[in-house]
Amino acid sequence: MQTKCVSCLKLDLQKDEIAICKKLLGRNVKNFYCLDCLAAYLNTTVEDIREKIEEFKADGCELFK
């Protein structure tokens, strides 16, 4: 199943993109954003989101395994 960004419609979102949406927007979220659109939605930078992904991975968050 292809997962696409709800905003820009980019296809085939990566596992980390789906995981960070679930982590930041809620595990039951049905609509996902690519990193660029998620950063815009949250009024932050893609680099900040990438840093959070690495932090969550380092903490052993199950969503990123």
N, C-alpha and C. Protein backbone atom coordinates (compact mmCIF):
# COMPACT_ATOMS: atom_id res chain seq x y z
N MET A 1 0.84 -1.19 0.00
CA MET A 1 0.00 0.00 0.00
C MET A 1 0.88 1.25 0.00
N GLN A 2 0.61 2.15 -0.91
CA GLN A 2 1.36 3.41 -0.96
C GLN A 2 0.75 4.39 0.04
N THR A 3 1.62 5.04 0.74
CA THR A 3 1.19 6.10 1.65
C THR A 3 1.63 7.41 1.04
N LYS A 4 0.72 8.38 1.01
CA LYS A 4 1.07 9.66 0.40
C LYS A 4 0.84 10.80 1.38
N CYS A 5 1.55 11.88 1.13
CA CYS A 5 1.42 13.09 1.94
C CYS A 5 0.05 13.71 1.68
N VAL A 6 -0.63 14.02 2.75
CA VAL A 6 -1.97 14.59 2.66
C VAL A 6 -1.94 16.02 2.09
N SER A 7 -0.78 16.67 2.17
CA SER A 7 -0.68 18.05 1.72
C SER A 7 -0.19 18.17 0.27
N CYS A 8 1.01 17.64 -0.02
CA CYS A 8 1.58 17.79 -1.36
C CYS A 8 1.35 16.58 -2.25
N LEU A 9 0.80 15.51 -1.67
CA LEU A 9 0.49 14.26 -2.37
C LEU A 9 1.71 13.46 -2.81
N LYS A 10 2.89 13.75 -2.23
CA LYS A 10 4.08 12.95 -2.49
C LYS A 10 3.76 11.49 -2.16
N LEU A 11 4.12 10.58 -3.06
CA LEU A 11 3.85 9.16 -2.86
C LEU A 11 4.99 8.48 -2.13
N ASP A 12 4.67 7.32 -1.58
CA ASP A 12 5.66 6.45 -0.95
C ASP A 12 6.44 7.13 0.18
N LEU A 13 5.72 7.61 1.16
CA LEU A 13 6.39 8.18 2.33
C LEU A 13 7.25 7.12 2.99
N GLN A 14 8.37 7.55 3.51
CA GLN A 14 9.31 6.66 4.18
C GLN A 14 8.79 6.28 5.56
N LYS A 15 9.33 5.17 6.07
CA LYS A 15 8.93 4.67 7.38
C LYS A 15 9.08 5.74 8.47
N ASP A 16 10.19 6.47 8.45
CA ASP A 16 10.42 7.51 9.46
C ASP A 16 9.41 8.65 9.34
N GLU A 17 8.99 8.96 8.11
CA GLU A 17 7.99 10.03 7.94
C GLU A 17 6.66 9.61 8.55
N ILE A 18 6.27 8.38 8.36
CA ILE A 18 5.03 7.88 8.95
C ILE A 18 5.15 7.83 10.46
N ALA A 19 6.29 7.35 10.94
CA ALA A 19 6.50 7.23 12.39
C ALA A 19 6.48 8.59 13.08
N ILE A 20 7.13 9.60 12.50
CA ILE A 20 7.17 10.91 13.15
C ILE A 20 5.79 11.55 13.16
N CYS A 21 5.00 11.31 12.13
CA CYS A 21 3.62 11.81 12.14
C CYS A 21 2.83 11.17 13.29
N LYS A 22 2.99 9.86 13.45
CA LYS A 22 2.30 9.18 14.54
C LYS A 22 2.78 9.66 15.90
N LYS A 23 4.08 9.89 16.02
CA LYS A 23 4.65 10.33 17.30
C LYS A 23 4.17 11.75 17.65
N LEU A 24 4.18 12.64 16.69
CA LEU A 24 3.85 14.04 16.97
C LEU A 24 2.37 14.37 16.87
N LEU A 25 1.64 13.63 16.04
CA LEU A 25 0.23 13.96 15.80
C LEU A 25 -0.74 12.96 16.44
N GLY A 26 -0.22 11.83 16.93
CA GLY A 26 -1.06 10.83 17.56
C GLY A 26 -0.99 9.50 16.83
N ARG A 27 -0.91 8.44 17.58
CA ARG A 27 -0.74 7.10 16.99
C ARG A 27 -1.89 6.71 16.06
N ASN A 28 -3.06 7.26 16.27
CA ASN A 28 -4.22 6.89 15.45
C ASN A 28 -4.42 7.77 14.23
N VAL A 29 -3.46 8.63 13.96
CA VAL A 29 -3.57 9.53 12.82
C VAL A 29 -3.71 8.72 11.53
N LYS A 30 -4.56 9.17 10.65
CA LYS A 30 -4.80 8.48 9.38
C LYS A 30 -4.18 9.21 8.19
N ASN A 31 -3.93 10.50 8.34
CA ASN A 31 -3.33 11.30 7.28
C ASN A 31 -1.90 11.64 7.66
N PHE A 32 -0.99 11.41 6.73
CA PHE A 32 0.42 11.60 7.00
C PHE A 32 0.99 12.72 6.14
N TYR A 33 2.07 13.33 6.64
CA TYR A 33 2.77 14.40 5.94
C TYR A 33 4.18 13.96 5.61
N CYS A 34 4.72 14.42 4.49
CA CYS A 34 6.15 14.27 4.23
C CYS A 34 6.87 15.22 5.19
N LEU A 35 8.18 15.10 5.29
CA LEU A 35 8.90 15.94 6.25
C LEU A 35 8.76 17.43 5.95
N ASP A 36 8.79 17.80 4.67
CA ASP A 36 8.64 19.22 4.32
C ASP A 36 7.29 19.77 4.75
N CYS A 37 6.24 19.04 4.46
CA CYS A 37 4.89 19.50 4.80
C CYS A 37 4.63 19.44 6.30
N LEU A 38 5.19 18.43 6.98
CA LEU A 38 5.04 18.35 8.43
C LEU A 38 5.73 19.53 9.09
N ALA A 39 6.91 19.88 8.61
CA ALA A 39 7.63 21.04 9.16
C ALA A 39 6.80 22.31 8.97
N ALA A 40 6.23 22.48 7.81
CA ALA A 40 5.39 23.67 7.56
C ALA A 40 4.16 23.65 8.46
N TYR A 41 3.53 22.50 8.59
CA TYR A 41 2.34 22.35 9.44
C TYR A 41 2.64 22.70 10.90
N LEU A 42 3.82 22.28 11.36
CA LEU A 42 4.20 22.51 12.76
C LEU A 42 5.00 23.80 12.94
N ASN A 43 5.20 24.54 11.85
CA ASN A 43 5.93 25.80 11.90
C ASN A 43 7.33 25.62 12.49
N THR A 44 8.04 24.66 11.93
CA THR A 44 9.41 24.36 12.35
C THR A 44 10.23 24.04 11.11
N THR A 45 11.43 23.53 11.30
CA THR A 45 12.28 23.19 10.15
C THR A 45 12.37 21.67 9.98
N VAL A 46 12.71 21.27 8.78
CA VAL A 46 12.91 19.84 8.50
C VAL A 46 14.07 19.34 9.37
N GLU A 47 15.10 20.15 9.53
CA GLU A 47 16.24 19.74 10.36
C GLU A 47 15.82 19.47 11.80
N ASP A 48 14.95 20.30 12.34
CA ASP A 48 14.44 20.07 13.70
C ASP A 48 13.70 18.74 13.78
N ILE A 49 12.93 18.43 12.77
CA ILE A 49 12.18 17.17 12.76
C ILE A 49 13.14 15.99 12.63
N ARG A 50 14.15 16.13 11.79
CA ARG A 50 15.15 15.05 11.66
C ARG A 50 15.87 14.82 13.00
N GLU A 51 16.17 15.88 13.71
CA GLU A 51 16.81 15.76 15.02
C GLU A 51 15.89 15.02 15.99
N LYS A 52 14.60 15.34 15.97
CA LYS A 52 13.64 14.64 16.84
C LYS A 52 13.57 13.16 16.49
N ILE A 53 13.59 12.85 15.20
CA ILE A 53 13.56 11.45 14.78
C ILE A 53 14.75 10.72 15.38
N GLU A 54 15.93 11.31 15.30
CA GLU A 54 17.13 10.67 15.85
C GLU A 54 17.03 10.53 17.37
N GLU A 55 16.47 11.53 18.03
CA GLU A 55 16.28 11.45 19.49
C GLU A 55 15.33 10.30 19.85
N PHE A 56 14.23 10.20 19.13
CA PHE A 56 13.25 9.14 19.41
C PHE A 56 13.87 7.77 19.14
N LYS A 57 14.66 7.65 18.09
CA LYS A 57 15.34 6.39 17.80
C LYS A 57 16.29 6.03 18.92
N ALA A 58 17.08 7.02 19.36
CA ALA A 58 18.05 6.79 20.43
C ALA A 58 17.36 6.39 21.74
N ASP A 59 16.16 6.91 21.95
CA ASP A 59 15.39 6.58 23.16
C ASP A 59 14.69 5.23 23.04
N GLY A 60 14.77 4.61 21.86
CA GLY A 60 14.16 3.29 21.66
C GLY A 60 12.68 3.30 21.36
N CYS A 61 12.18 4.42 20.86
CA CYS A 61 10.76 4.51 20.52
C CYS A 61 10.38 3.41 19.53
N GLU A 62 9.36 2.65 19.86
CA GLU A 62 8.91 1.51 19.05
C GLU A 62 8.45 1.91 17.65
N LEU A 63 7.98 3.12 17.48
CA LEU A 63 7.50 3.56 16.17
C LEU A 63 8.60 3.61 15.13
N PHE A 64 9.84 3.74 15.59
CA PHE A 64 10.97 3.92 14.67
C PHE A 64 11.80 2.66 14.49
N LYS A 65 11.25 1.52 14.88
CA LYS A 65 11.98 0.24 14.71
C LYS A 65 11.57 -0.46 13.45
